PDB file of N, CA and C in Angstrom:
ATOM      1  N   UNK A   1      -4.944  19.693 -12.474  1.00  0.00           N
ATOM      2  CA  UNK A   1      -4.729  20.804 -11.578  1.00  0.00           C
ATOM      3  C   UNK A   1      -3.278  20.911 -11.139  1.00  0.00           C
ATOM      4  N   UNK A   2      -2.405  20.170 -11.715  1.00  0.00           N
ATOM      5  CA  UNK A   2      -1.013  20.195 -11.267  1.00  0.00           C
ATOM      6  C   UNK A   2      -0.217  21.270 -11.996  1.00  0.00           C
ATOM      7  N   UNK A   3       0.799  21.735 -11.325  1.00  0.00           N
ATOM      8  CA  UNK A   3       1.754  22.675 -11.909  1.00  0.00           C
ATOM      9  C   UNK A   3       3.119  22.014 -11.788  1.00  0.00           C
ATOM     10  N   UNK A   4       3.792  21.824 -12.908  1.00  0.00           N
ATOM     11  CA  UNK A   4       5.099  21.188 -12.850  1.00  0.00           C
ATOM     12  C   UNK A   4       6.118  22.165 -12.263  1.00  0.00           C
ATOM     13  N   UNK A   5       7.121  21.636 -11.573  1.00  0.00           N
ATOM     14  CA  UNK A   5       8.151  22.511 -10.987  1.00  0.00           C
ATOM     15  C   UNK A   5       8.840  23.379 -12.049  1.00  0.00           C
ATOM     16  N   UNK A   6       9.069  22.831 -13.228  1.00  0.00           N
ATOM     17  CA  UNK A   6       9.719  23.600 -14.289  1.00  0.00           C
ATOM     18  C   UNK A   6       8.882  24.777 -14.754  1.00  0.00           C
ATOM     19  N   UNK A   7       7.572  24.562 -14.913  1.00  0.00           N
ATOM     20  CA  UNK A   7       6.710  25.667 -15.337  1.00  0.00           C
ATOM     21  C   UNK A   7       6.599  26.714 -14.238  1.00  0.00           C
ATOM     22  N   UNK A   8       6.496  26.267 -13.007  1.00  0.00           N
ATOM     23  CA  UNK A   8       6.414  27.211 -11.883  1.00  0.00           C
ATOM     24  C   UNK A   8       7.644  28.108 -11.864  1.00  0.00           C
ATOM     25  N   UNK A   9       8.827  27.520 -11.984  1.00  0.00           N
ATOM     26  CA  UNK A   9      10.066  28.300 -11.978  1.00  0.00           C
ATOM     27  C   UNK A   9      10.115  29.260 -13.164  1.00  0.00           C
ATOM     28  N   UNK A  10       9.731  28.780 -14.348  1.00  0.00           N
ATOM     29  CA  UNK A  10       9.729  29.614 -15.543  1.00  0.00           C
ATOM     30  C   UNK A  10       8.767  30.788 -15.394  1.00  0.00           C
ATOM     31  N   UNK A  11       7.536  30.516 -14.956  1.00  0.00           N
ATOM     32  CA  UNK A  11       6.533  31.574 -14.816  1.00  0.00           C
ATOM     33  C   UNK A  11       6.988  32.620 -13.804  1.00  0.00           C
ATOM     34  N   UNK A  12       7.532  32.180 -12.680  1.00  0.00           N
ATOM     35  CA  UNK A  12       7.990  33.127 -11.666  1.00  0.00           C
ATOM     36  C   UNK A  12       9.167  33.950 -12.172  1.00  0.00           C
ATOM     37  N   UNK A  13      10.049  33.330 -12.923  1.00  0.00           N
ATOM     38  CA  UNK A  13      11.177  34.070 -13.503  1.00  0.00           C
ATOM     39  C   UNK A  13      10.679  35.140 -14.467  1.00  0.00           C
ATOM     40  N   UNK A  14       9.740  34.773 -15.330  1.00  0.00           N
ATOM     41  CA  UNK A  14       9.214  35.728 -16.306  1.00  0.00           C
ATOM     42  C   UNK A  14       8.438  36.844 -15.615  1.00  0.00           C
ATOM     43  N   UNK A  15       7.613  36.502 -14.655  1.00  0.00           N
ATOM     44  CA  UNK A  15       6.858  37.523 -13.928  1.00  0.00           C
ATOM     45  C   UNK A  15       7.784  38.435 -13.138  1.00  0.00           C
ATOM     46  N   UNK A  16       8.877  37.894 -12.658  1.00  0.00           N
ATOM     47  CA  UNK A  16       9.851  38.689 -11.922  1.00  0.00           C
ATOM     48  C   UNK A  16      10.508  39.765 -12.777  1.00  0.00           C
ATOM     49  N   UNK A  17      10.405  39.640 -14.078  1.00  0.00           N
ATOM     50  CA  UNK A  17      10.938  40.660 -14.980  1.00  0.00           C
ATOM     51  C   UNK A  17      10.019  41.884 -15.046  1.00  0.00           C
ATOM     52  N   UNK A  18       8.752  41.740 -14.627  1.00  0.00           N
ATOM     53  CA  UNK A  18       7.803  42.845 -14.756  1.00  0.00           C
ATOM     54  C   UNK A  18       7.095  43.208 -13.445  1.00  0.00           C
ATOM     55  N   UNK A  19       7.300  42.438 -12.394  1.00  0.00           N
ATOM     56  CA  UNK A  19       6.664  42.722 -11.101  1.00  0.00           C
ATOM     57  C   UNK A  19       7.708  42.554 -10.004  1.00  0.00           C
ATOM     58  N   UNK A  20       7.500  43.232  -8.900  1.00  0.00           N
ATOM     59  CA  UNK A  20       8.457  43.184  -7.797  1.00  0.00           C
ATOM     60  C   UNK A  20       7.898  42.402  -6.611  1.00  0.00           C
ATOM     61  N   UNK A  21       8.799  42.058  -5.699  1.00  0.00           N
ATOM     62  CA  UNK A  21       8.427  41.385  -4.449  1.00  0.00           C
ATOM     63  C   UNK A  21       7.537  40.162  -4.678  1.00  0.00           C
ATOM     64  N   UNK A  22       7.910  39.332  -5.643  1.00  0.00           N
ATOM     65  CA  UNK A  22       7.109  38.149  -5.940  1.00  0.00           C
ATOM     66  C   UNK A  22       7.298  37.072  -4.893  1.00  0.00           C
ATOM     67  N   UNK A  23       6.208  36.390  -4.634  1.00  0.00           N
ATOM     68  CA  UNK A  23       6.262  35.174  -3.833  1.00  0.00           C
ATOM     69  C   UNK A  23       5.128  34.279  -4.317  1.00  0.00           C
ATOM     70  N   UNK A  24       5.303  33.003  -4.143  1.00  0.00           N
ATOM     71  CA  UNK A  24       4.281  32.060  -4.581  1.00  0.00           C
ATOM     72  C   UNK A  24       3.907  31.148  -3.432  1.00  0.00           C
ATOM     73  N   UNK A  25       2.722  30.589  -3.548  1.00  0.00           N
ATOM     74  CA  UNK A  25       2.214  29.713  -2.498  1.00  0.00           C
ATOM     75  C   UNK A  25       1.389  28.605  -3.147  1.00  0.00           C
ATOM     76  N   UNK A  26       1.721  27.372  -2.834  1.00  0.00           N
ATOM     77  CA  UNK A  26       0.938  26.244  -3.337  1.00  0.00           C
ATOM     78  C   UNK A  26      -0.444  26.274  -2.695  1.00  0.00           C
ATOM     79  N   UNK A  27      -1.460  26.046  -3.510  1.00  0.00           N
ATOM     80  CA  UNK A  27      -2.825  26.020  -3.002  1.00  0.00           C
ATOM     81  C   UNK A  27      -3.718  25.199  -3.916  1.00  0.00           C
ATOM     82  N   UNK A  28      -4.414  24.239  -3.359  1.00  0.00           N
ATOM     83  CA  UNK A  28      -5.395  23.424  -4.068  1.00  0.00           C
ATOM     84  C   UNK A  28      -4.838  22.814  -5.359  1.00  0.00           C
ATOM     85  N   UNK A  29      -3.607  22.408  -5.359  1.00  0.00           N
ATOM     86  CA  UNK A  29      -3.001  21.803  -6.533  1.00  0.00           C
ATOM     87  C   UNK A  29      -2.415  22.809  -7.501  1.00  0.00           C
ATOM     88  N   UNK A  30      -2.741  24.065  -7.334  1.00  0.00           N
ATOM     89  CA  UNK A  30      -2.203  25.137  -8.164  1.00  0.00           C
ATOM     90  C   UNK A  30      -1.221  25.970  -7.376  1.00  0.00           C
ATOM     91  N   UNK A  31      -0.942  27.161  -7.886  1.00  0.00           N
ATOM     92  CA  UNK A  31       0.001  28.069  -7.239  1.00  0.00           C
ATOM     93  C   UNK A  31      -0.585  29.479  -7.276  1.00  0.00           C
ATOM     94  N   UNK A  32      -0.639  30.129  -6.130  1.00  0.00           N
ATOM     95  CA  UNK A  32      -1.029  31.529  -6.054  1.00  0.00           C
ATOM     96  C   UNK A  32       0.216  32.393  -6.120  1.00  0.00           C
ATOM     97  N   UNK A  33       0.132  33.517  -6.828  1.00  0.00           N
ATOM     98  CA  UNK A  33       1.292  34.401  -6.982  1.00  0.00           C
ATOM     99  C   UNK A  33       0.938  35.787  -6.466  1.00  0.00           C
ATOM    100  N   UNK A  34       1.827  36.305  -5.644  1.00  0.00           N
ATOM    101  CA  UNK A  34       1.658  37.613  -5.020  1.00  0.00           C
ATOM    102  C   UNK A  34       2.789  38.537  -5.437  1.00  0.00           C
ATOM    103  N   UNK A  35       2.481  39.813  -5.530  1.00  0.00           N
ATOM    104  CA  UNK A  35       3.474  40.871  -5.608  1.00  0.00           C
ATOM    105  C   UNK A  35       3.232  41.699  -4.358  1.00  0.00           C
ATOM    106  N   UNK A  36       4.174  41.660  -3.443  1.00  0.00           N
ATOM    107  CA  UNK A  36       3.979  42.219  -2.101  1.00  0.00           C
ATOM    108  C   UNK A  36       2.753  41.522  -1.514  1.00  0.00           C
ATOM    109  N   UNK A  37       1.710  42.253  -1.161  1.00  0.00           N
ATOM    110  CA  UNK A  37       0.519  41.642  -0.568  1.00  0.00           C
ATOM    111  C   UNK A  37      -0.606  41.438  -1.575  1.00  0.00           C
ATOM    112  N   UNK A  38      -0.371  41.738  -2.834  1.00  0.00           N
ATOM    113  CA  UNK A  38      -1.431  41.617  -3.843  1.00  0.00           C
ATOM    114  C   UNK A  38      -1.412  40.246  -4.505  1.00  0.00           C
ATOM    115  N   UNK A  39      -2.493  39.510  -4.345  1.00  0.00           N
ATOM    116  CA  UNK A  39      -2.674  38.211  -4.992  1.00  0.00           C
ATOM    117  C   UNK A  39      -3.189  38.504  -6.396  1.00  0.00           C
ATOM    118  N   UNK A  40      -2.298  38.433  -7.395  1.00  0.00           N
ATOM    119  CA  UNK A  40      -2.649  38.912  -8.736  1.00  0.00           C
ATOM    120  C   UNK A  40      -2.607  37.851  -9.819  1.00  0.00           C
ATOM    121  N   UNK A  41      -2.148  36.655  -9.513  1.00  0.00           N
ATOM    122  CA  UNK A  41      -2.046  35.627 -10.545  1.00  0.00           C
ATOM    123  C   UNK A  41      -2.109  34.248  -9.922  1.00  0.00           C
ATOM    124  N   UNK A  42      -2.430  33.276 -10.756  1.00  0.00           N
ATOM    125  CA  UNK A  42      -2.372  31.900 -10.318  1.00  0.00           C
ATOM    126  C   UNK A  42      -1.911  31.018 -11.462  1.00  0.00           C
ATOM    127  N   UNK A  43      -1.353  29.894 -11.096  1.00  0.00           N
ATOM    128  CA  UNK A  43      -0.918  28.887 -12.054  1.00  0.00           C
ATOM    129  C   UNK A  43      -1.758  27.645 -11.838  1.00  0.00           C
ATOM    130  N   UNK A  44      -2.170  27.021 -12.941  1.00  0.00           N
ATOM    131  CA  UNK A  44      -2.900  25.773 -12.880  1.00  0.00           C
ATOM    132  C   UNK A  44      -2.706  25.053 -14.200  1.00  0.00           C
ATOM    133  N   UNK A  45      -2.476  23.764 -14.148  1.00  0.00           N
ATOM    134  CA  UNK A  45      -2.254  22.974 -15.374  1.00  0.00           C
ATOM    135  C   UNK A  45      -1.227  23.621 -16.289  1.00  0.00           C
ATOM    136  N   UNK A  46      -0.167  24.122 -15.712  1.00  0.00           N
ATOM    137  CA  UNK A  46       0.918  24.773 -16.451  1.00  0.00           C
ATOM    138  C   UNK A  46       0.427  25.903 -17.354  1.00  0.00           C
ATOM    139  N   UNK A  47      -0.493  26.687 -16.816  1.00  0.00           N
ATOM    140  CA  UNK A  47      -0.983  27.893 -17.491  1.00  0.00           C
ATOM    141  C   UNK A  47      -1.030  29.018 -16.464  1.00  0.00           C
ATOM    142  N   UNK A  48      -0.842  30.259 -16.951  1.00  0.00           N
ATOM    143  CA  UNK A  48      -0.879  31.439 -16.093  1.00  0.00           C
ATOM    144  C   UNK A  48      -2.206  32.150 -16.267  1.00  0.00           C
ATOM    145  N   UNK A  49      -2.800  32.527 -15.143  1.00  0.00           N
ATOM    146  CA  UNK A  49      -4.049  33.283 -15.113  1.00  0.00           C
ATOM    147  C   UNK A  49      -3.814  34.556 -14.318  1.00  0.00           C
ATOM    148  N   UNK A  50      -4.299  35.677 -14.845  1.00  0.00           N
ATOM    149  CA  UNK A  50      -4.124  36.967 -14.182  1.00  0.00           C
ATOM    150  C   UNK A  50      -5.460  37.487 -13.659  1.00  0.00           C
ATOM    151  N   UNK A  51      -5.407  38.213 -12.558  1.00  0.00           N
ATOM    152  CA  UNK A  51      -6.585  38.778 -11.897  1.00  0.00           C
ATOM    153  C   UNK A  51      -7.273  39.799 -12.792  1.00  0.00           C
ATOM    154  N   UNK A  52      -8.601  39.726 -12.860  1.00  0.00           N
ATOM    155  CA  UNK A  52      -9.401  40.719 -13.569  1.00  0.00           C
ATOM    156  C   UNK A  52     -10.496  41.224 -12.628  1.00  0.00           C
ATOM    157  N   UNK A  53     -11.079  42.344 -12.997  1.00  0.00           N
ATOM    158  CA  UNK A  53     -12.262  42.855 -12.312  1.00  0.00           C
ATOM    159  C   UNK A  53     -13.115  43.553 -13.355  1.00  0.00           C
ATOM    160  N   UNK A  54     -14.152  44.235 -12.927  1.00  0.00           N
ATOM    161  CA  UNK A  54     -15.050  44.887 -13.877  1.00  0.00           C
ATOM    162  C   UNK A  54     -14.348  45.928 -14.737  1.00  0.00           C
ATOM    163  N   UNK A  55     -13.308  46.555 -14.204  1.00  0.00           N
ATOM    164  CA  UNK A  55     -12.585  47.575 -14.973  1.00  0.00           C
ATOM    165  C   UNK A  55     -11.633  46.987 -16.002  1.00  0.00           C
ATOM    166  N   UNK A  56     -11.116  45.800 -15.775  1.00  0.00           N
ATOM    167  CA  UNK A  56     -10.094  45.246 -16.670  1.00  0.00           C
ATOM    168  C   UNK A  56     -10.562  44.072 -17.525  1.00  0.00           C
ATOM    169  N   UNK A  57     -11.674  43.455 -17.186  1.00  0.00           N
ATOM    170  CA  UNK A  57     -12.133  42.241 -17.871  1.00  0.00           C
ATOM    171  C   UNK A  57     -12.278  42.431 -19.378  1.00  0.00           C
ATOM    172  N   UNK A  58     -12.802  43.550 -19.825  1.00  0.00           N
ATOM    173  CA  UNK A  58     -13.039  43.763 -21.255  1.00  0.00           C
ATOM    174  C   UNK A  58     -11.743  43.700 -22.063  1.00  0.00           C
ATOM    175  N   UNK A  59     -10.652  44.216 -21.516  1.00  0.00           N
ATOM    176  CA  UNK A  59      -9.367  44.173 -22.233  1.00  0.00           C
ATOM    177  C   UNK A  59      -8.922  42.730 -22.443  1.00  0.00           C
ATOM    178  N   UNK A  60      -9.106  41.890 -21.450  1.00  0.00           N
ATOM    179  CA  UNK A  60      -8.731  40.481 -21.565  1.00  0.00           C
ATOM    180  C   UNK A  60      -9.633  39.776 -22.580  1.00  0.00           C
ATOM    181  N   UNK A  61     -10.931  40.016 -22.485  1.00  0.00           N
ATOM    182  CA  UNK A  61     -11.869  39.374 -23.404  1.00  0.00           C
ATOM    183  C   UNK A  61     -11.656  39.828 -24.842  1.00  0.00           C
ATOM    184  N   UNK A  62     -11.290  41.088 -25.043  1.00  0.00           N
ATOM    185  CA  UNK A  62     -11.047  41.605 -26.396  1.00  0.00           C
ATOM    186  C   UNK A  62      -9.887  40.872 -27.070  1.00  0.00           C
ATOM    187  N   UNK A  63      -8.980  40.314 -26.273  1.00  0.00           N
ATOM    188  CA  UNK A  63      -7.843  39.558 -26.809  1.00  0.00           C
ATOM    189  C   UNK A  63      -8.127  38.062 -26.867  1.00  0.00           C
ATOM    190  N   UNK A  64      -9.367  37.684 -26.604  1.00  0.00           N
ATOM    191  CA  UNK A  64      -9.746  36.271 -26.666  1.00  0.00           C
ATOM    192  C   UNK A  64      -9.344  35.457 -25.461  1.00  0.00           C
ATOM    193  N   UNK A  65      -8.963  36.120 -24.378  1.00  0.00           N
ATOM    194  CA  UNK A  65      -8.580  35.406 -23.169  1.00  0.00           C
ATOM    195  C   UNK A  65      -9.848  34.957 -22.445  1.00  0.00           C
ATOM    196  N   UNK A  66      -9.774  33.806 -21.797  1.00  0.00           N
ATOM    197  CA  UNK A  66     -10.952  33.213 -21.166  1.00  0.00           C
ATOM    198  C   UNK A  66     -10.737  33.048 -19.667  1.00  0.00           C
ATOM    199  N   UNK A  67     -11.834  32.982 -18.908  1.00  0.00           N
ATOM    200  CA  UNK A  67     -11.715  32.863 -17.452  1.00  0.00           C
ATOM    201  C   UNK A  67     -11.236  31.481 -17.017  1.00  0.00           C
ATOM    202  N   UNK A  68     -10.664  31.461 -15.830  1.00  0.00           N
ATOM    203  CA  UNK A  68     -10.248  30.227 -15.193  1.00  0.00           C
ATOM    204  C   UNK A  68     -11.485  29.505 -14.691  1.00  0.00           C
ATOM    205  N   UNK A  69     -11.640  28.264 -15.087  1.00  0.00           N
ATOM    206  CA  UNK A  69     -12.757  27.425 -14.659  1.00  0.00           C
ATOM    207  C   UNK A  69     -12.172  26.289 -13.820  1.00  0.00           C
ATOM    208  N   UNK A  70     -12.153  26.430 -12.514  1.00  0.00           N
ATOM    209  CA  UNK A  70     -11.449  25.458 -11.675  1.00  0.00           C
ATOM    210  C   UNK A  70     -11.991  24.038 -11.768  1.00  0.00           C
ATOM    211  N   UNK A  71     -13.261  23.893 -12.103  1.00  0.00           N
ATOM    212  CA  UNK A  71     -13.841  22.556 -12.190  1.00  0.00           C
ATOM    213  C   UNK A  71     -14.039  22.124 -13.642  1.00  0.00           C
ATOM    214  N   UNK A  72     -13.658  22.997 -14.572  1.00  0.00           N
ATOM    215  CA  UNK A  72     -13.701  22.666 -15.986  1.00  0.00           C
ATOM    216  C   UNK A  72     -15.068  22.631 -16.626  1.00  0.00           C
ATOM    217  N   UNK A  73     -16.117  22.758 -15.858  1.00  0.00           N
ATOM    218  CA  UNK A  73     -17.457  22.621 -16.426  1.00  0.00           C
ATOM    219  C   UNK A  73     -18.244  23.928 -16.471  1.00  0.00           C
ATOM    220  N   UNK A  74     -17.640  25.024 -16.080  1.00  0.00           N
ATOM    221  CA  UNK A  74     -18.320  26.317 -16.099  1.00  0.00           C
ATOM    222  C   UNK A  74     -19.227  26.551 -14.913  1.00  0.00           C
ATOM    223  N   UNK A  75     -19.265  25.609 -13.969  1.00  0.00           N
ATOM    224  CA  UNK A  75     -20.136  25.783 -12.808  1.00  0.00           C
ATOM    225  C   UNK A  75     -19.611  26.861 -11.868  1.00  0.00           C
ATOM    226  N   UNK A  76     -18.326  27.130 -11.961  1.00  0.00           N
ATOM    227  CA  UNK A  76     -17.728  28.168 -11.123  1.00  0.00           C
ATOM    228  C   UNK A  76     -16.685  28.902 -11.952  1.00  0.00           C
ATOM    229  N   UNK A  77     -16.856  30.204 -12.095  1.00  0.00           N
ATOM    230  CA  UNK A  77     -15.919  31.025 -12.859  1.00  0.00           C
ATOM    231  C   UNK A  77     -15.184  31.924 -11.885  1.00  0.00           C
ATOM    232  N   UNK A  78     -13.866  31.917 -11.971  1.00  0.00           N
ATOM    233  CA  UNK A  78     -13.074  32.773 -11.085  1.00  0.00           C
ATOM    234  C   UNK A  78     -12.669  34.044 -11.819  1.00  0.00           C
ATOM    235  N   UNK A  79     -12.280  35.038 -11.078  1.00  0.00           N
ATOM    236  CA  UNK A  79     -11.916  36.341 -11.631  1.00  0.00           C
ATOM    237  C   UNK A  79     -10.453  36.381 -12.072  1.00  0.00           C
ATOM    238  N   UNK A  80     -10.029  35.341 -12.762  1.00  0.00           N
ATOM    239  CA  UNK A  80      -8.686  35.225 -13.320  1.00  0.00           C
ATOM    240  C   UNK A  80      -8.832  34.760 -14.754  1.00  0.00           C
ATOM    241  N   UNK A  81      -8.086  35.394 -15.667  1.00  0.00           N
ATOM    242  CA  UNK A  81      -8.161  35.032 -17.073  1.00  0.00           C
ATOM    243  C   UNK A  81      -6.816  34.522 -17.549  1.00  0.00           C
ATOM    244  N   UNK A  82      -6.863  33.472 -18.370  1.00  0.00           N
ATOM    245  CA  UNK A  82      -5.650  32.875 -18.914  1.00  0.00           C
ATOM    246  C   UNK A  82      -5.030  33.763 -19.973  1.00  0.00           C
ATOM    247  N   UNK A  83      -3.714  33.720 -20.050  1.00  0.00           N
ATOM    248  CA  UNK A  83      -3.012  34.480 -21.084  1.00  0.00           C
ATOM    249  C   UNK A  83      -2.343  33.498 -22.041  1.00  0.00           C
ATOM    250  N   UNK A  84      -2.140  33.897 -23.283  1.00  0.00           N
ATOM    251  CA  UNK A  84      -1.445  33.020 -24.229  1.00  0.00           C
ATOM    252  C   UNK A  84      -0.028  32.723 -23.745  1.00  0.00           C
ATOM    253  N   UNK A  85       0.431  31.498 -23.967  1.00  0.00           N
ATOM    254  CA  UNK A  85       1.751  31.083 -23.509  1.00  0.00           C
ATOM    255  C   UNK A  85       2.881  31.939 -24.036  1.00  0.00           C
ATOM    256  N   UNK A  86       2.784  32.393 -25.297  1.00  0.00           N
ATOM    257  CA  UNK A  86       3.879  33.187 -25.864  1.00  0.00           C
ATOM    258  C   UNK A  86       3.983  34.563 -25.218  1.00  0.00           C
ATOM    259  N   UNK A  87       2.901  35.047 -24.628  1.00  0.00           N
ATOM    260  CA  UNK A  87       2.930  36.338 -23.942  1.00  0.00           C
ATOM    261  C   UNK A  87       3.850  36.281 -22.722  1.00  0.00           C
ATOM    262  N   UNK A  88       3.899  35.133 -22.090  1.00  0.00           N
ATOM    263  CA  UNK A  88       4.731  34.958 -20.905  1.00  0.00           C
ATOM    264  C   UNK A  88       6.218  35.084 -21.235  1.00  0.00           C
ATOM    265  N   UNK A  89       6.573  34.846 -22.472  1.00  0.00           N
ATOM    266  CA  UNK A  89       7.983  34.889 -22.872  1.00  0.00           C
ATOM    267  C   UNK A  89       8.463  36.278 -23.283  1.00  0.00           C
ATOM    268  N   UNK A  90       7.562  37.243 -23.394  1.00  0.00           N
ATOM    269  CA  UNK A  90       7.901  38.584 -23.870  1.00  0.00           C
ATOM    270  C   UNK A  90       7.592  39.604 -22.782  1.00  0.00           C
ATOM    271  N   UNK A  91       8.628  40.043 -22.061  1.00  0.00           N
ATOM    272  CA  UNK A  91       8.431  40.940 -20.921  1.00  0.00           C
ATOM    273  C   UNK A  91       7.717  42.228 -21.308  1.00  0.00           C
ATOM    274  N   UNK A  92       8.051  42.799 -22.458  1.00  0.00           N
ATOM    275  CA  UNK A  92       7.412  44.051 -22.870  1.00  0.00           C
ATOM    276  C   UNK A  92       5.923  43.852 -23.137  1.00  0.00           C
ATOM    277  N   UNK A  93       5.565  42.729 -23.728  1.00  0.00           N
ATOM    278  CA  UNK A  93       4.153  42.441 -24.000  1.00  0.00           C
ATOM    279  C   UNK A  93       3.415  42.035 -22.722  1.00  0.00           C
ATOM    280  N   UNK A  94       4.116  41.373 -21.827  1.00  0.00           N
ATOM    281  CA  UNK A  94       3.507  40.904 -20.583  1.00  0.00           C
ATOM    282  C   UNK A  94       3.226  42.035 -19.602  1.00  0.00           C
ATOM    283  N   UNK A  95       4.098  43.036 -19.573  1.00  0.00           N
ATOM    284  CA  UNK A  95       4.031  44.110 -18.576  1.00  0.00           C
ATOM    285  C   UNK A  95       2.633  44.753 -18.446  1.00  0.00           C
ATOM    286  N   UNK A  96       1.987  45.203 -19.526  1.00  0.00           N
ATOM    287  CA  UNK A  96       0.681  45.858 -19.332  1.00  0.00           C
ATOM    288  C   UNK A  96      -0.394  44.927 -18.774  1.00  0.00           C
ATOM    289  N   UNK A  97      -0.298  43.637 -19.061  1.00  0.00           N
ATOM    290  CA  UNK A  97      -1.279  42.690 -18.538  1.00  0.00           C
ATOM    291  C   UNK A  97      -1.071  42.471 -17.047  1.00  0.00           C
ATOM    292  N   UNK A  98       0.177  42.384 -16.641  1.00  0.00           N
ATOM    293  CA  UNK A  98       0.483  42.241 -15.214  1.00  0.00           C
ATOM    294  C   UNK A  98       0.073  43.517 -14.479  1.00  0.00           C
ATOM    295  N   UNK A  99       0.314  44.668 -15.080  1.00  0.00           N
ATOM    296  CA  UNK A  99      -0.100  45.925 -14.449  1.00  0.00           C
ATOM    297  C   UNK A  99      -1.610  45.970 -14.264  1.00  0.00           C
ATOM    298  N   UNK A 100      -2.368  45.496 -15.251  1.00  0.00           N
ATOM    299  CA  UNK A 100      -3.830  45.439 -15.106  1.00  0.00           C
ATOM    300  C   UNK A 100      -4.223  44.508 -13.956  1.00  0.00           C
ATOM    301  N   UNK A 101      -3.550  43.363 -13.879  1.00  0.00           N
ATOM    302  CA  UNK A 101      -3.861  42.392 -12.830  1.00  0.00           C
ATOM    303  C   UNK A 101      -3.525  42.955 -11.446  1.00  0.00           C
ATOM    304  N   UNK A 102      -2.391  43.619 -11.332  1.00  0.00           N
ATOM    305  CA  UNK A 102      -2.017  44.233 -10.055  1.00  0.00           C
ATOM    306  C   UNK A 102      -3.002  45.326  -9.662  1.00  0.00           C
ATOM    307  N   UNK A 103      -3.443  46.109 -10.637  1.00  0.00           N
ATOM    308  CA  UNK A 103      -4.427  47.154 -10.352  1.00  0.00           C
ATOM    309  C   UNK A 103      -5.745  46.534  -9.885  1.00  0.00           C
ATOM    310  N   UNK A 104      -6.180  45.470 -10.548  1.00  0.00           N
ATOM    311  CA  UNK A 104      -7.419  44.795 -10.146  1.00  0.00           C
ATOM    312  C   UNK A 104      -7.288  44.229  -8.737  1.00  0.00           C
ATOM    313  N   UNK A 105      -6.145  43.622  -8.443  1.00  0.00           N
ATOM    314  CA  UNK A 105      -5.917  43.081  -7.097  1.00  0.00           C
ATOM    315  C   UNK A 105      -5.897  44.205  -6.059  1.00  0.00           C
ATOM    316  N   UNK A 106      -5.339  45.348  -6.418  1.00  0.00           N
ATOM    317  CA  UNK A 106      -5.321  46.493  -5.515  1.00  0.00           C
ATOM    318  C   UNK A 106      -6.714  47.041  -5.258  1.00  0.00           C
ATOM    319  N   UNK A 107      -7.516  47.088  -6.313  1.00  0.00           N
ATOM    320  CA  UNK A 107      -8.894  47.566  -6.126  1.00  0.00           C
ATOM    321  C   UNK A 107      -9.680  46.603  -5.250  1.00  0.00           C
ATOM    322  N   UNK A 108      -9.472  45.305  -5.430  1.00  0.00           N
ATOM    323  CA  UNK A 108     -10.176  44.321  -4.600  1.00  0.00           C
ATOM    324  C   UNK A 108      -9.786  44.489  -3.141  1.00  0.00           C
ATOM    325  N   UNK A 109      -8.506  44.652  -2.867  1.00  0.00           N
ATOM    326  CA  UNK A 109      -8.047  44.837  -1.497  1.00  0.00           C
ATOM    327  C   UNK A 109      -8.618  46.089  -0.867  1.00  0.00           C
ATOM    328  N   UNK A 110      -8.691  47.156  -1.651  1.00  0.00           N
ATOM    329  CA  UNK A 110      -9.233  48.424  -1.154  1.00  0.00           C
ATOM    330  C   UNK A 110     -10.714  48.265  -0.834  1.00  0.00           C
ATOM    331  N   UNK A 111     -11.452  47.573  -1.699  1.00  0.00           N
ATOM    332  CA  UNK A 111     -12.880  47.361  -1.460  1.00  0.00           C
ATOM    333  C   UNK A 111     -13.118  46.516  -0.218  1.00  0.00           C
ATOM    334  N   UNK A 112     -12.300  45.481  -0.009  1.00  0.00           N
ATOM    335  CA  UNK A 112     -12.465  44.609   1.137  1.00  0.00           C
ATOM    336  C   UNK A 112     -12.203  45.387   2.418  1.00  0.00           C
ATOM    337  N   UNK A 113     -11.148  46.184   2.451  1.00  0.00           N
ATOM    338  CA  UNK A 113     -10.832  46.943   3.668  1.00  0.00           C
ATOM    339  C   UNK A 113     -11.959  47.906   4.014  1.00  0.00           C
ATOM    340  N   UNK A 114     -12.554  48.543   3.025  1.00  0.00           N
ATOM    341  CA  UNK A 114     -13.614  49.498   3.332  1.00  0.00           C
ATOM    342  C   UNK A 114     -14.871  48.778   3.826  1.00  0.00           C
ATOM    343  N   UNK A 115     -15.139  47.557   3.339  1.00  0.00           N
ATOM    344  CA  UNK A 115     -16.288  46.788   3.815  1.00  0.00           C
ATOM    345  C   UNK A 115     -16.060  46.279   5.231  1.00  0.00           C
ATOM    346  N   UNK A 116     -14.809  45.917   5.538  1.00  0.00           N
ATOM    347  CA  UNK A 116     -14.504  45.341   6.836  1.00  0.00           C
ATOM    348  C   UNK A 116     -14.385  46.388   7.942  1.00  0.00           C
ATOM    349  N   UNK A 117     -14.186  47.626   7.549  1.00  0.00           N
ATOM    350  CA  UNK A 117     -14.012  48.684   8.540  1.00  0.00           C
ATOM    351  C   UNK A 117     -15.335  48.944   9.243  1.00  0.00           C
ATOM    352  N   UNK A 118     -15.336  48.991  10.571  1.00  0.00           N
ATOM    353  CA  UNK A 118     -16.584  49.277  11.285  1.00  0.00           C
ATOM    354  C   UNK A 118     -17.094  50.677  10.970  1.00  0.00           C
ATOM    355  N   UNK A 119     -18.371  50.787  10.871  1.00  0.00           N
ATOM    356  CA  UNK A 119     -18.975  52.094  10.604  1.00  0.00           C
ATOM    357  C   UNK A 119     -19.169  52.838  11.904  1.00  0.00           C
ATOM    358  N   UNK A 120     -19.002  54.147  11.826  1.00  0.00           N
ATOM    359  CA  UNK A 120     -19.216  54.985  12.998  1.00  0.00           C
ATOM    360  C   UNK A 120     -20.702  55.219  13.201  1.00  0.00           C
ATOM    361  N   UNK A 121     -21.137  55.166  14.430  1.00  0.00           N
ATOM    362  CA  UNK A 121     -22.553  55.461  14.699  1.00  0.00           C
ATOM    363  C   UNK A 121     -22.827  56.933  14.416  1.00  0.00           C
ATOM    364  N   UNK A 122     -24.011  57.215  13.985  1.00  0.00           N
ATOM    365  CA  UNK A 122     -24.409  58.603  13.708  1.00  0.00           C
ATOM    366  C   UNK A 122     -25.163  59.188  14.852  1.00  0.00           C
TER     367      UNK A 122
END
């Protein structure tokens, strides 16, 4: 579950070529990555995982990308899919995947806000 400092710096540099307002936060041995307020990626075991949802998951699966399994045994599947390492090195190829992840993170945030908003009595 560790992320080496070198990989963290490399991943953030590469993501910074295609996303704005990046910040990272260490969490549970991995690293969470935000663009502004959108939590759209995570790093674990020196691999990058991007946020997916029902609208974007098929595109990731069609490319053979697999979900993040935090415990390694499939008992818990997170809504983040790993990308091939060489994709991280090519900003033009990486851009549409990051855009999908940002869109998924935006949809999740929008859904949460609407659920948390109190309903008006009728």
